Amino acid sequence: MARKYSKKASAKVGRAMKKRKAGTLKSGRSGKKVASRKQAIAIGLSEARAEGKKVPKKAAKKKKAAKKRKSKK
């Protein structure tokens, strides 16, 4: 089976995780410190995407399914 992420993308995520652990990882827009593990992974993947590494596309949000459920009631 093929790799889902490239090795360079994995390295970016690893670097983001180390920065988070050290307390130096900051979010892009607000510049606040990142404590969340999930957010650190997201930052690493987005950096890899920006460099054109092999990373799957962002997951589509599930708004349409929720709207359909509301309209049926």
N, C-alpha and C. Protein backbone atom coordinates (compact mmCIF):
# COMPACT_ATOMS: atom_id res chain seq x y z
N MET A 1 0.84 -1.19 0.00
CA MET A 1 0.00 0.00 0.00
C MET A 1 0.88 1.25 0.00
N ALA A 2 0.48 2.25 -0.74
CA ALA A 2 1.26 3.48 -0.86
C ALA A 2 1.15 4.31 0.41
N ARG A 3 2.16 5.14 0.63
CA ARG A 3 2.14 6.05 1.79
C ARG A 3 1.07 7.10 1.60
N LYS A 4 0.40 7.45 2.68
CA LYS A 4 -0.62 8.50 2.62
C LYS A 4 0.04 9.88 2.60
N TYR A 5 1.13 10.03 3.36
CA TYR A 5 1.87 11.29 3.44
C TYR A 5 3.31 11.02 3.01
N SER A 6 3.96 12.02 2.45
CA SER A 6 5.36 11.87 2.08
C SER A 6 6.23 11.91 3.34
N LYS A 7 7.47 11.48 3.22
CA LYS A 7 8.38 11.49 4.37
C LYS A 7 8.67 12.92 4.81
N LYS A 8 8.75 13.84 3.85
CA LYS A 8 9.01 15.25 4.17
C LYS A 8 7.83 15.84 4.93
N ALA A 9 6.61 15.44 4.57
CA ALA A 9 5.42 15.92 5.27
C ALA A 9 5.43 15.40 6.71
N SER A 10 5.83 14.15 6.89
CA SER A 10 5.93 13.57 8.23
C SER A 10 6.96 14.32 9.06
N ALA A 11 8.04 14.73 8.41
CA ALA A 11 9.08 15.49 9.11
C ALA A 11 8.56 16.84 9.56
N LYS A 12 7.74 17.48 8.73
CA LYS A 12 7.14 18.78 9.08
C LYS A 12 6.24 18.64 10.31
N VAL A 13 5.45 17.57 10.33
CA VAL A 13 4.56 17.33 11.46
C VAL A 13 5.38 17.05 12.72
N GLY A 14 6.44 16.27 12.57
CA GLY A 14 7.32 15.97 13.70
C GLY A 14 7.97 17.23 14.27
N ARG A 15 8.38 18.13 13.39
CA ARG A 15 8.99 19.38 13.83
C ARG A 15 7.96 20.23 14.59
N ALA A 16 6.72 20.26 14.08
CA ALA A 16 5.66 21.04 14.74
C ALA A 16 5.36 20.45 16.13
N MET A 17 5.39 19.12 16.23
CA MET A 17 5.11 18.47 17.51
C MET A 17 6.21 18.78 18.53
N LYS A 18 7.46 18.80 18.08
CA LYS A 18 8.57 19.13 18.98
C LYS A 18 8.47 20.58 19.46
N LYS A 19 8.10 21.47 18.54
CA LYS A 19 7.94 22.88 18.92
C LYS A 19 6.81 23.05 19.93
N ARG A 20 5.72 22.29 19.73
CA ARG A 20 4.59 22.35 20.66
C ARG A 20 5.03 21.88 22.04
N LYS A 21 5.77 20.80 22.07
CA LYS A 21 6.25 20.24 23.33
C LYS A 21 7.15 21.23 24.07
N ALA A 22 7.98 21.95 23.28
CA ALA A 22 8.88 22.94 23.87
C ALA A 22 8.15 24.22 24.26
N GLY A 23 6.92 24.39 23.73
CA GLY A 23 6.13 25.58 24.05
C GLY A 23 6.44 26.77 23.16
N THR A 24 7.01 26.51 21.98
CA THR A 24 7.37 27.62 21.09
C THR A 24 6.54 27.65 19.81
N LEU A 25 5.62 26.70 19.65
CA LEU A 25 4.78 26.66 18.45
C LEU A 25 3.66 27.69 18.59
N LYS A 26 3.52 28.54 17.57
CA LYS A 26 2.49 29.57 17.61
C LYS A 26 1.60 29.45 16.39
N SER A 27 0.33 29.82 16.57
CA SER A 27 -0.60 29.76 15.45
C SER A 27 -0.32 30.90 14.50
N GLY A 28 -0.69 30.73 13.25
CA GLY A 28 -0.34 31.69 12.22
C GLY A 28 -0.96 33.06 12.37
N ARG A 29 -2.25 33.11 12.56
CA ARG A 29 -2.93 34.40 12.50
C ARG A 29 -2.83 35.19 13.80
N SER A 30 -3.22 34.55 14.89
CA SER A 30 -3.24 35.28 16.16
C SER A 30 -1.88 35.31 16.85
N GLY A 31 -1.05 34.32 16.55
CA GLY A 31 0.27 34.26 17.17
C GLY A 31 0.25 33.69 18.58
N LYS A 32 -0.91 33.09 18.97
CA LYS A 32 -1.02 32.50 20.30
C LYS A 32 -0.26 31.18 20.34
N LYS A 33 0.18 30.78 21.52
CA LYS A 33 0.87 29.50 21.68
C LYS A 33 -0.11 28.36 21.46
N VAL A 34 0.36 27.31 20.82
CA VAL A 34 -0.47 26.15 20.53
C VAL A 34 -0.20 25.07 21.57
N ALA A 35 -1.26 24.60 22.23
CA ALA A 35 -1.12 23.53 23.22
C ALA A 35 -1.74 22.24 22.72
N SER A 36 -2.66 22.34 21.78
CA SER A 36 -3.41 21.19 21.28
C SER A 36 -2.56 20.34 20.34
N ARG A 37 -2.60 19.03 20.55
CA ARG A 37 -1.87 18.09 19.70
C ARG A 37 -2.44 18.11 18.28
N LYS A 38 -3.76 18.13 18.18
CA LYS A 38 -4.41 18.14 16.87
C LYS A 38 -4.06 19.40 16.08
N GLN A 39 -4.00 20.52 16.77
CA GLN A 39 -3.68 21.77 16.09
C GLN A 39 -2.24 21.76 15.60
N ALA A 40 -1.34 21.16 16.38
CA ALA A 40 0.07 21.07 15.97
C ALA A 40 0.20 20.23 14.71
N ILE A 41 -0.54 19.13 14.63
CA ILE A 41 -0.53 18.27 13.45
C ILE A 41 -1.05 19.05 12.24
N ALA A 42 -2.14 19.80 12.46
CA ALA A 42 -2.73 20.58 11.38
C ALA A 42 -1.76 21.63 10.85
N ILE A 43 -1.01 22.25 11.73
CA ILE A 43 -0.03 23.26 11.32
C ILE A 43 1.07 22.61 10.49
N GLY A 44 1.57 21.47 10.94
CA GLY A 44 2.61 20.75 10.20
C GLY A 44 2.14 20.34 8.81
N LEU A 45 0.91 19.84 8.70
CA LEU A 45 0.38 19.41 7.41
C LEU A 45 0.14 20.59 6.48
N SER A 46 -0.33 21.70 7.03
CA SER A 46 -0.58 22.86 6.17
C SER A 46 0.74 23.44 5.65
N GLU A 47 1.79 23.40 6.47
CA GLU A 47 3.11 23.84 6.01
C GLU A 47 3.63 22.94 4.89
N ALA A 48 3.40 21.63 5.05
CA ALA A 48 3.83 20.67 4.02
C ALA A 48 3.05 20.90 2.73
N ARG A 49 1.74 21.16 2.85
CA ARG A 49 0.90 21.45 1.68
C ARG A 49 1.41 22.68 0.93
N ALA A 50 1.77 23.71 1.70
CA ALA A 50 2.25 24.96 1.11
C ALA A 50 3.53 24.75 0.30
N GLU A 51 4.34 23.79 0.72
CA GLU A 51 5.59 23.48 0.01
C GLU A 51 5.38 22.48 -1.13
N GLY A 52 4.14 21.99 -1.28
CA GLY A 52 3.83 21.07 -2.38
C GLY A 52 4.17 19.63 -2.10
N LYS A 53 4.30 19.26 -0.84
CA LYS A 53 4.58 17.86 -0.48
C LYS A 53 3.33 17.01 -0.66
N LYS A 54 3.50 15.69 -0.65
CA LYS A 54 2.38 14.78 -0.83
C LYS A 54 1.57 14.67 0.46
N VAL A 55 0.44 15.36 0.48
CA VAL A 55 -0.46 15.36 1.63
C VAL A 55 -1.88 15.33 1.08
N PRO A 56 -2.76 14.48 1.62
CA PRO A 56 -4.14 14.47 1.12
C PRO A 56 -4.81 15.83 1.32
N LYS A 57 -5.83 16.10 0.50
CA LYS A 57 -6.56 17.36 0.60
C LYS A 57 -7.28 17.44 1.94
N LYS A 58 -7.61 18.66 2.34
CA LYS A 58 -8.35 18.86 3.59
C LYS A 58 -9.70 18.17 3.49
N ALA A 59 -10.18 17.62 4.59
CA ALA A 59 -11.48 16.95 4.61
C ALA A 59 -12.59 17.98 4.42
N ALA A 60 -13.58 17.62 3.63
CA ALA A 60 -14.70 18.52 3.40
C ALA A 60 -15.55 18.58 4.66
N LYS A 61 -16.07 19.76 4.96
CA LYS A 61 -16.91 19.90 6.14
C LYS A 61 -18.27 19.28 5.88
N LYS A 62 -18.90 18.78 6.92
CA LYS A 62 -20.15 18.04 6.79
C LYS A 62 -21.37 18.92 7.05
N LYS A 63 -21.43 20.10 6.44
CA LYS A 63 -22.54 21.01 6.65
C LYS A 63 -23.78 20.57 5.88
N LYS A 64 -23.60 20.05 4.67
CA LYS A 64 -24.74 19.69 3.83
C LYS A 64 -25.59 18.61 4.49
N ALA A 65 -24.96 17.61 5.09
CA ALA A 65 -25.69 16.53 5.73
C ALA A 65 -26.51 17.05 6.91
N ALA A 66 -25.96 17.98 7.65
CA ALA A 66 -26.67 18.55 8.79
C ALA A 66 -27.87 19.38 8.33
N LYS A 67 -27.71 20.11 7.23
CA LYS A 67 -28.81 20.90 6.69
C LYS A 67 -29.95 20.01 6.22
N LYS A 68 -29.62 18.90 5.57
CA LYS A 68 -30.64 17.97 5.08
C LYS A 68 -31.44 17.39 6.24
N ARG A 69 -30.76 17.06 7.33
CA ARG A 69 -31.46 16.49 8.49
C ARG A 69 -32.41 17.50 9.09
N LYS A 70 -32.01 18.77 9.14
CA LYS A 70 -32.86 19.82 9.72
C LYS A 70 -34.10 20.06 8.86
N SER A 71 -33.91 20.06 7.54
CA SER A 71 -35.03 20.36 6.64
C SER A 71 -36.09 19.23 6.63
N LYS A 72 -35.69 18.01 6.95
CA LYS A 72 -36.66 16.90 6.98
C LYS A 72 -37.60 16.95 8.16
N LYS A 73 -37.16 17.59 9.26
CA LYS A 73 -37.98 17.63 10.47
C LYS A 73 -39.09 18.60 10.37
